[in-house]
Amino acid sequence: MYYIDPHIHMISRVTDDYQRMAQCGCQAVSEPAFWAGFDRGSAEGFRDYFRHLTEVEPKRAALFGIKHHSWLCINAKEAENVKLSREVIAVIPEYLDKSNVLGIGEIGLNKNTRNEATVFQEHVDLAMKTNELILIHTPHLEDKYKGTRMIIDMLKGDRRVSAERVLIDHVEEHTVRLALDNGFWCGMTLYPTTKCTPERAVDIVEMVGPERIMANSAGDWGKSNPLAVPEFIQEMKRRGHGEDVIRKIVYENPLAFFRQSVRWPKEAMADDGHSREGAREMSAAR
């Protein structure tokens, strides 16, 4: 079965991961800008990072028939430094015309601080001025519900924001309805700690259904699994869910959200034998 990983940090993964993902049916990945494991000291460091996301990583992915897309921002963990954040936000428009960029992300909150909220709102302002999609990072563990509530309140307080153009990621059992009930898309991150296992993700699907929801690995430089989405597929099959429902979550839903971007390619590709309509839409994969 074809799938898309809508949130994975391939800059931190070895080339063998691309090969294994392709063998499991991965057609496209979406890579948000994220924390590098240390706080960067200048906007120039981010300029080089954005070049890697928009120039280098797509070429590495293409070697395995995978289409690479990216998002640009300064992440919530570094957003406590408002001065640096504003310098980075000023750089982002230079890269928004790159063909693989889907929008602004992953922006959000880390510790739910005033500075993080300020930088979040300035990212949203840029996205609205440039008509970009938004990908949201929600905080970990005990901060998650409060942070998700804060994020949604800020988004709903900006009349320019259309909920259907925002993906709220890292949802869990106690935040998924908060995102869906307010009209947003949501992502379940299949991560061994702080987020969601494949088994819990299937529980969530059984709780809320398959509409406006997707699954991702968020594979990065920490303990994570770039094949987490195929594991989710297998768990869905084990519980008796049909291929149409599974394909909707791992393939068609990401397509429906990402194709709102003007830079999501429109060319067609071959059918996978399961979904002719899905194959026609899988323009970003080949």
Protein backbone atom coordinates (compact mmCIF):
# COMPACT_ATOMS: atom_id res chain seq x y z
CA MET A 1 0.00 0.00 0.00
CA TYR A 2 1.24 3.47 -0.87
CA TYR A 3 1.65 5.90 2.02
CA ILE A 4 2.92 9.39 2.77
CA ASP A 5 4.82 10.30 5.92
CA PRO A 6 3.54 13.85 6.56
CA HIS A 7 6.05 14.64 9.33
CA ILE A 8 9.58 13.22 9.36
CA HIS A 9 12.99 14.87 9.80
CA MET A 10 15.04 13.18 7.09
CA ILE A 11 17.96 15.57 7.55
CA SER A 12 18.72 13.53 10.68
CA ARG A 13 18.19 10.10 9.09
CA VAL A 14 20.65 7.89 7.22
CA THR A 15 20.20 7.10 3.55
CA ASP A 16 19.28 3.49 4.36
CA ASP A 17 16.07 4.84 5.93
CA TYR A 18 14.99 6.25 2.56
CA GLN A 19 15.61 2.85 1.01
CA ARG A 20 13.59 0.99 3.65
CA MET A 21 10.75 3.50 3.48
CA ALA A 22 10.58 3.17 -0.30
CA GLN A 23 10.47 -0.60 0.00
CA CYS A 24 7.50 -0.26 2.37
CA GLY A 25 5.57 1.92 -0.08
CA CYS A 26 6.48 5.48 0.93
CA GLN A 27 5.77 7.81 -1.96
CA ALA A 28 6.37 11.22 -0.39
CA VAL A 29 7.56 12.83 2.82
CA SER A 30 6.93 16.19 4.42
CA GLU A 31 9.78 17.56 6.54
CA PRO A 32 9.08 20.41 8.97
CA ALA A 33 11.85 22.67 10.23
CA PHE A 34 12.76 21.58 13.77
CA TRP A 35 15.22 21.85 16.64
CA ALA A 36 18.67 20.57 15.69
CA GLY A 37 19.45 19.25 19.19
CA PHE A 38 21.04 22.56 20.16
CA ASP A 39 20.03 26.21 20.00
CA ARG A 40 21.45 27.85 16.89
CA GLY A 41 23.20 31.16 17.33
CA SER A 42 22.35 33.16 14.22
CA ALA A 43 19.90 33.58 11.38
CA GLU A 44 22.69 32.58 9.00
CA GLY A 45 22.67 29.12 10.55
CA PHE A 46 19.00 28.84 9.61
CA ARG A 47 19.73 30.10 6.11
CA ASP A 48 22.04 27.11 5.59
CA TYR A 49 19.44 24.82 7.17
CA PHE A 50 16.72 26.07 4.82
CA ARG A 51 19.04 25.47 1.87
CA HIS A 52 19.48 21.88 3.02
CA LEU A 53 15.71 21.40 3.31
CA THR A 54 14.94 22.92 -0.08
CA GLU A 55 17.95 21.92 -2.19
CA VAL A 56 19.84 18.93 -0.74
CA GLU A 57 17.21 16.68 0.84
CA PRO A 58 14.91 16.53 -2.23
CA LYS A 59 17.81 15.17 -4.28
CA ARG A 60 18.62 12.51 -1.68
CA ALA A 61 14.97 11.42 -1.51
CA ALA A 62 14.65 11.31 -5.30
CA LEU A 63 17.32 8.61 -5.47
CA PHE A 64 14.71 6.26 -4.00
CA GLY A 65 11.66 7.53 -5.88
CA ILE A 66 10.39 9.52 -2.88
CA LYS A 67 9.17 13.09 -3.29
CA HIS A 68 10.47 15.39 -0.54
CA HIS A 69 8.52 18.44 0.69
CA SER A 70 9.46 20.80 3.49
CA TRP A 71 8.20 23.50 5.84
CA LEU A 72 10.06 26.56 7.12
CA CYS A 73 10.17 28.26 10.53
CA ILE A 74 12.16 28.68 13.71
CA ASN A 75 10.83 25.98 16.01
CA ALA A 76 9.09 26.54 19.33
CA LYS A 77 12.07 25.33 21.37
CA GLU A 78 14.23 28.16 20.04
CA ALA A 79 11.38 30.70 19.95
CA GLU A 80 12.14 31.85 23.49
CA ASN A 81 14.80 34.00 21.81
CA VAL A 82 12.47 36.57 20.24
CA LYS A 83 15.24 38.64 18.64
CA LEU A 84 16.72 35.65 16.83
CA SER A 85 13.26 34.41 15.91
CA ARG A 86 12.39 37.68 14.21
CA GLU A 87 15.66 37.58 12.27
CA VAL A 88 14.86 34.05 11.08
CA ILE A 89 11.27 34.92 10.17
CA ALA A 90 12.66 37.74 8.03
CA VAL A 91 14.76 35.19 6.10
CA ILE A 92 11.92 32.73 5.41
CA PRO A 93 10.33 34.62 2.45
CA GLU A 94 13.56 34.11 0.48
CA TYR A 95 12.77 30.37 0.37
CA LEU A 96 8.98 30.33 -0.01
CA ASP A 97 9.19 30.11 -3.79
CA LYS A 98 11.18 26.86 -3.66
CA SER A 99 9.20 24.15 -5.40
CA ASN A 100 9.14 21.70 -2.46
CA VAL A 101 8.01 24.14 0.26
CA LEU A 102 4.48 23.53 1.57
CA GLY A 103 4.22 26.33 4.12
CA ILE A 104 5.16 27.53 7.60
CA GLY A 105 5.95 24.91 10.24
CA GLU A 106 6.30 23.25 12.55
CA ILE A 107 5.39 26.26 14.66
CA GLY A 108 3.66 26.14 18.02
CA LEU A 109 4.51 26.03 21.70
CA ASN A 110 7.05 24.16 23.79
CA LYS A 111 6.62 25.39 27.36
CA ASN A 112 3.63 27.68 26.69
CA THR A 113 5.56 30.87 27.44
CA ARG A 114 4.75 34.44 26.46
CA ASN A 115 7.76 34.63 24.13
CA GLU A 116 6.78 31.41 22.38
CA ALA A 117 3.26 32.76 21.87
CA THR A 118 4.64 36.00 20.43
CA VAL A 119 6.83 34.18 17.93
CA PHE A 120 3.99 31.80 17.07
CA GLN A 121 1.69 34.70 16.20
CA GLU A 122 4.38 36.36 14.09
CA HIS A 123 4.83 33.12 12.13
CA VAL A 124 1.05 32.97 11.60
CA ASP A 125 1.10 36.57 10.39
CA LEU A 126 3.74 35.66 7.81
CA ALA A 127 1.71 32.65 6.70
CA MET A 128 -1.39 34.78 6.25
CA LYS A 129 0.46 37.47 4.30
CA THR A 130 1.99 34.88 1.96
CA ASN A 131 -1.04 32.53 1.76
CA GLU A 132 0.78 29.51 3.19
CA LEU A 133 -0.41 26.35 4.90
CA ILE A 134 0.50 25.97 8.59
CA LEU A 135 1.85 22.94 10.44
CA ILE A 136 1.55 23.09 14.24
CA HIS A 137 3.71 21.52 16.96
CA THR A 138 1.88 20.92 20.23
CA PRO A 139 3.79 20.57 23.53
CA HIS A 140 4.71 17.33 25.23
CA LEU A 141 3.19 15.49 28.17
CA GLU A 142 1.57 17.61 30.90
CA ASP A 143 1.79 20.83 28.83
CA LYS A 144 -0.03 19.38 25.81
CA TYR A 145 -3.69 20.17 26.54
CA LYS A 146 -2.98 23.68 27.83
CA GLY A 147 -0.67 24.40 24.89
CA THR A 148 -3.13 23.02 22.34
CA ARG A 149 -5.89 25.15 23.85
CA MET A 150 -3.64 28.25 23.70
CA ILE A 151 -2.71 27.56 20.09
CA ILE A 152 -6.31 27.07 18.98
CA ASP A 153 -7.40 30.22 20.81
CA MET A 154 -4.67 32.24 19.04
CA LEU A 155 -5.59 30.78 15.64
CA LYS A 156 -9.31 31.39 16.13
CA GLY A 157 -8.53 34.92 17.28
CA ASP A 158 -7.04 35.69 13.86
CA ARG A 159 -9.91 36.04 11.39
CA ARG A 160 -7.55 35.51 8.46
CA VAL A 161 -6.86 31.89 9.47
CA SER A 162 -8.88 29.12 7.79
CA ALA A 163 -8.94 26.02 9.97
CA GLU A 164 -8.92 23.69 6.96
CA ARG A 165 -5.48 25.06 6.03
CA VAL A 166 -3.93 24.21 9.41
CA LEU A 167 -2.59 20.82 10.53
CA ILE A 168 -2.29 20.39 14.32
CA ASP A 169 0.25 17.66 14.99
CA HIS A 170 1.16 15.39 17.91
CA VAL A 171 -2.47 15.01 18.97
CA GLU A 172 -3.24 12.42 21.64
CA GLU A 173 -6.41 11.01 23.17
CA HIS A 174 -7.07 14.13 25.24
CA THR A 175 -6.43 16.70 22.47
CA VAL A 176 -7.64 15.10 19.24
CA ARG A 177 -11.27 16.24 19.61
CA LEU A 178 -10.11 19.75 20.49
CA ALA A 179 -8.45 19.96 17.07
CA LEU A 180 -11.16 18.21 15.06
CA ASP A 181 -14.12 19.93 16.69
CA ASN A 182 -12.61 23.31 15.77
CA GLY A 183 -12.28 22.34 12.11
CA PHE A 184 -8.54 21.69 11.95
CA TRP A 185 -6.69 18.75 10.44
CA CYS A 186 -4.71 16.70 12.93
CA GLY A 187 -1.71 14.37 12.95
CA MET A 188 -0.92 11.45 15.24
CA THR A 189 2.82 11.13 15.83
CA LEU A 190 3.91 7.51 16.21
CA TYR A 191 6.77 8.03 18.60
CA PRO A 192 8.10 5.71 21.31
CA THR A 193 8.07 8.41 24.01
CA THR A 194 6.07 11.61 24.74
CA LYS A 195 3.63 11.05 21.90
CA CYS A 196 1.72 8.03 20.54
CA THR A 197 2.36 4.35 19.75
CA PRO A 198 0.81 2.72 16.65
CA GLU A 199 -1.57 0.86 18.96
CA ARG A 200 -2.76 4.06 20.66
CA ALA A 201 -3.10 5.73 17.26
CA VAL A 202 -5.47 3.00 16.12
CA ASP A 203 -7.39 3.47 19.38
CA ILE A 204 -7.74 7.16 18.48
CA VAL A 205 -9.00 6.35 14.98
CA GLU A 206 -11.56 3.99 16.49
CA MET A 207 -12.61 6.79 18.83
CA VAL A 208 -12.94 9.67 16.32
CA GLY A 209 -13.01 8.10 12.86
CA PRO A 210 -10.80 8.66 9.79
CA GLU A 211 -11.82 12.20 8.76
CA ARG A 212 -9.16 14.97 8.76
CA ILE A 213 -6.62 12.78 10.54
CA MET A 214 -3.28 11.31 9.48
CA ALA A 215 -0.34 9.40 10.96
CA ASN A 216 3.35 10.27 10.91
CA SER A 217 6.65 9.02 12.34
CA ALA A 218 8.34 12.35 13.17
CA GLY A 219 11.58 10.37 12.79
CA ASP A 220 14.50 12.50 13.92
CA TRP A 221 17.93 12.29 15.61
CA GLY A 222 16.41 10.82 18.81
CA LYS A 223 14.90 7.42 19.43
CA SER A 224 12.29 7.14 16.68
CA ASN A 225 11.16 4.82 13.92
CA PRO A 226 11.02 5.95 10.27
CA LEU A 227 8.83 2.90 9.54
CA ALA A 228 6.23 3.76 12.15
CA VAL A 229 3.53 4.48 9.55
CA PRO A 230 3.85 0.97 8.03
CA GLU A 231 3.58 -0.37 11.60
CA PHE A 232 0.36 1.64 12.02
CA ILE A 233 -0.93 0.14 8.76
CA GLN A 234 -0.22 -3.35 10.05
CA GLU A 235 -1.97 -2.65 13.36
CA MET A 236 -5.00 -1.33 11.49
CA LYS A 237 -5.08 -4.52 9.41
CA ARG A 238 -4.65 -6.70 12.49
CA ARG A 239 -7.77 -5.14 14.01
CA GLY A 240 -9.78 -5.78 10.88
CA HIS A 241 -9.98 -2.28 9.39
CA GLY A 242 -10.51 -2.24 5.63
CA GLU A 243 -7.93 -1.05 3.15
CA ASP A 244 -10.12 1.88 2.09
CA VAL A 245 -10.09 3.30 5.63
CA ILE A 246 -6.36 2.67 6.08
CA ARG A 247 -5.51 4.24 2.72
CA LYS A 248 -7.64 7.27 3.57
CA ILE A 249 -5.58 7.96 6.71
CA VAL A 250 -2.07 7.25 5.40
CA TYR A 251 -2.44 8.38 1.80
CA GLU A 252 -5.58 10.27 0.81
CA ASN A 253 -5.85 12.55 3.86
CA PRO A 254 -2.28 13.88 3.53
CA LEU A 255 -2.97 14.45 -0.17
CA ALA A 256 -6.18 16.32 0.56
CA PHE A 257 -4.40 18.64 2.97
CA PHE A 258 -1.13 19.18 1.08
CA ARG A 259 -2.75 19.77 -2.31
CA GLN A 260 -4.08 23.06 -0.90
CA SER A 261 -0.54 24.36 -1.37
CA VAL A 262 0.07 26.05 -4.72
CA ARG A 263 3.40 24.23 -4.86
CA TRP A 264 1.98 20.71 -4.54
CA PRO A 265 2.69 19.22 -8.01
CA LYS A 266 -0.26 18.42 -10.25
CA GLU A 267 1.26 15.82 -12.62
CA ALA A 268 -0.14 12.29 -12.51
CA MET A 269 1.49 8.94 -11.77
CA ALA A 270 0.77 5.27 -12.32
CA ASP A 271 -2.03 3.52 -10.42
CA ASP A 272 -1.04 1.27 -7.52
CA GLY A 273 -3.82 -1.19 -8.31
CA HIS A 274 -5.85 -0.17 -5.26
CA SER A 275 -7.04 3.40 -5.74
CA ARG A 276 -7.26 4.98 -9.18
CA GLU A 277 -8.45 8.27 -7.77
CA GLY A 278 -5.73 8.24 -5.14
CA ALA A 279 -3.13 7.48 -7.78
CA ARG A 280 -4.27 10.40 -9.90
CA GLU A 281 -3.92 12.64 -6.86
CA MET A 282 -0.50 11.25 -5.95
CA SER A 283 1.09 13.90 -8.11
CA ALA A 284 3.79 14.60 -5.56
CA ALA A 285 5.14 11.11 -5.50
CA ARG A 286 6.59 10.61 -8.98
